[in-house]
Amino acid sequence: MNAIQKLRIEHLFTLEEMAKKLGTTRQTVSNLEKKATPKMVKKCSKIFNENVFKLFGSDVLKILPKTEEDKKILIEIIQNL
């Protein structure tokens, strides 16, 4: 169970409810629960009103950027730790 799935379950959100909050599909949330993206990590932080590192711990540093946007988001996340 990764941090996104754990948070979703702790807050009693279904996959559908979490998808709606993230502005994505149920299938995408299911995939994110296997491997998160920087963009969704940032969105989850906003949804749960918590610091990214507090929510995801050192796991956030294991997320590899795939795009320039991902790189920018990761830099922003790290600068805000």
C-alpha atoms as a PDB file:
ATOM      1  CA  MET A   1       0.000   0.000   0.000  1.00  0.00           C
ATOM      2  CA  ASN A   2       1.524   3.337  -0.991  1.00  0.00           C
ATOM      3  CA  ALA A   3       0.910   6.744   0.557  1.00  0.00           C
ATOM      4  CA  ILE A   4      -1.853   7.747  -1.865  1.00  0.00           C
ATOM      5  CA  GLN A   5      -3.812   4.562  -1.264  1.00  0.00           C
ATOM      6  CA  LYS A   6      -3.261   4.840   2.484  1.00  0.00           C
ATOM      7  CA  LEU A   7      -4.531   8.432   2.543  1.00  0.00           C
ATOM      8  CA  ARG A   8      -7.516   7.554   0.374  1.00  0.00           C
ATOM      9  CA  ILE A   9      -8.503   4.720   2.693  1.00  0.00           C
ATOM     10  CA  GLU A  10      -7.880   6.754   5.877  1.00  0.00           C
ATOM     11  CA  HIS A  11     -10.179   9.491   4.565  1.00  0.00           C
ATOM     12  CA  LEU A  12     -12.753   6.897   3.462  1.00  0.00           C
ATOM     13  CA  PHE A  13     -12.626   7.971  -0.203  1.00  0.00           C
ATOM     14  CA  THR A  14     -13.566   5.511  -2.909  1.00  0.00           C
ATOM     15  CA  LEU A  15     -11.431   5.384  -6.041  1.00  0.00           C
ATOM     16  CA  GLU A  16     -14.159   7.370  -7.782  1.00  0.00           C
ATOM     17  CA  GLU A  17     -14.268  10.066  -5.091  1.00  0.00           C
ATOM     18  CA  MET A  18     -10.483  10.407  -5.093  1.00  0.00           C
ATOM     19  CA  ALA A  19     -10.476  10.600  -8.890  1.00  0.00           C
ATOM     20  CA  LYS A  20     -13.015  13.424  -8.785  1.00  0.00           C
ATOM     21  CA  LYS A  21     -10.913  15.351  -6.241  1.00  0.00           C
ATOM     22  CA  LEU A  22      -7.792  14.904  -8.395  1.00  0.00           C
ATOM     23  CA  GLY A  23      -9.629  15.720 -11.611  1.00  0.00           C
ATOM     24  CA  THR A  24      -8.812  12.376 -13.166  1.00  0.00           C
ATOM     25  CA  THR A  25     -10.262   8.894 -13.683  1.00  0.00           C
ATOM     26  CA  ARG A  26     -10.702   5.974 -11.333  1.00  0.00           C
ATOM     27  CA  GLN A  27      -8.194   3.978 -13.384  1.00  0.00           C
ATOM     28  CA  THR A  28      -5.592   6.735 -13.086  1.00  0.00           C
ATOM     29  CA  VAL A  29      -5.965   6.778  -9.302  1.00  0.00           C
ATOM     30  CA  SER A  30      -5.569   3.012  -9.253  1.00  0.00           C
ATOM     31  CA  ASN A  31      -2.370   3.385 -11.310  1.00  0.00           C
ATOM     32  CA  LEU A  32      -1.133   6.200  -9.043  1.00  0.00           C
ATOM     33  CA  GLU A  33      -1.564   3.935  -6.062  1.00  0.00           C
ATOM     34  CA  LYS A  34       1.040   1.728  -7.730  1.00  0.00           C
ATOM     35  CA  LYS A  35       3.329   4.532  -8.909  1.00  0.00           C
ATOM     36  CA  ALA A  36       2.737   8.203  -8.128  1.00  0.00           C
ATOM     37  CA  THR A  37       3.655  11.141 -10.345  1.00  0.00           C
ATOM     38  CA  PRO A  38       4.998  14.484  -9.091  1.00  0.00           C
ATOM     39  CA  LYS A  39       1.877  16.282 -10.316  1.00  0.00           C
ATOM     40  CA  MET A  40      -0.478  13.975  -8.413  1.00  0.00           C
ATOM     41  CA  VAL A  41       1.689  14.042  -5.285  1.00  0.00           C
ATOM     42  CA  LYS A  42       1.385  17.832  -5.303  1.00  0.00           C
ATOM     43  CA  LYS A  43      -2.396  17.641  -5.855  1.00  0.00           C
ATOM     44  CA  CYS A  44      -2.766  15.160  -2.983  1.00  0.00           C
ATOM     45  CA  SER A  45      -0.834  17.513  -0.749  1.00  0.00           C
ATOM     46  CA  LYS A  46      -3.335  20.261  -1.544  1.00  0.00           C
ATOM     47  CA  ILE A  47      -6.383  17.989  -1.140  1.00  0.00           C
ATOM     48  CA  PHE A  48      -5.257  16.786   2.283  1.00  0.00           C
ATOM     49  CA  ASN A  49      -3.814  20.204   3.244  1.00  0.00           C
ATOM     50  CA  GLU A  50      -0.527  18.662   4.344  1.00  0.00           C
ATOM     51  CA  ASN A  51       3.144  19.084   3.511  1.00  0.00           C
ATOM     52  CA  VAL A  52       4.214  16.656   0.775  1.00  0.00           C
ATOM     53  CA  PHE A  53       7.028  15.244   2.872  1.00  0.00           C
ATOM     54  CA  LYS A  54       4.718  14.757   5.856  1.00  0.00           C
ATOM     55  CA  LEU A  55       2.301  12.802   3.668  1.00  0.00           C
ATOM     56  CA  PHE A  56       4.778  10.779   1.640  1.00  0.00           C
ATOM     57  CA  GLY A  57       7.967  10.816   3.695  1.00  0.00           C
ATOM     58  CA  SER A  58      11.158   9.915   1.904  1.00  0.00           C
ATOM     59  CA  ASP A  59       9.100   8.061  -0.746  1.00  0.00           C
ATOM     60  CA  VAL A  60       8.598  11.415  -2.466  1.00  0.00           C
ATOM     61  CA  LEU A  61      12.316  11.471  -3.242  1.00  0.00           C
ATOM     62  CA  LYS A  62      11.984   8.164  -5.117  1.00  0.00           C
ATOM     63  CA  ILE A  63       9.638   9.617  -7.732  1.00  0.00           C
ATOM     64  CA  LEU A  64      11.483  10.017 -11.002  1.00  0.00           C
ATOM     65  CA  PRO A  65      10.512  12.907 -13.282  1.00  0.00           C
ATOM     66  CA  LYS A  66       9.491  11.953 -16.813  1.00  0.00           C
ATOM     67  CA  THR A  67       8.838  15.415 -18.208  1.00  0.00           C
ATOM     68  CA  GLU A  68      10.126  18.936 -17.745  1.00  0.00           C
ATOM     69  CA  GLU A  69       6.928  19.740 -15.854  1.00  0.00           C
ATOM     70  CA  ASP A  70       7.646  16.823 -13.474  1.00  0.00           C
ATOM     71  CA  LYS A  71      11.162  18.165 -12.896  1.00  0.00           C
ATOM     72  CA  LYS A  72       9.824  21.623 -12.051  1.00  0.00           C
ATOM     73  CA  ILE A  73       7.237  20.169  -9.663  1.00  0.00           C
ATOM     74  CA  LEU A  74       9.842  18.021  -7.908  1.00  0.00           C
ATOM     75  CA  ILE A  75      12.163  20.996  -7.514  1.00  0.00           C
ATOM     76  CA  GLU A  76       9.289  23.000  -6.030  1.00  0.00           C
ATOM     77  CA  ILE A  77       8.409  20.133  -3.663  1.00  0.00           C
ATOM     78  CA  ILE A  78      11.998  19.765  -2.496  1.00  0.00           C
ATOM     79  CA  GLN A  79      12.419  23.509  -1.992  1.00  0.00           C
ATOM     80  CA  ASN A  80       9.315  23.542   0.208  1.00  0.00           C
ATOM     81  CA  LEU A  81      10.468  20.745   2.524  1.00  0.00           C
END
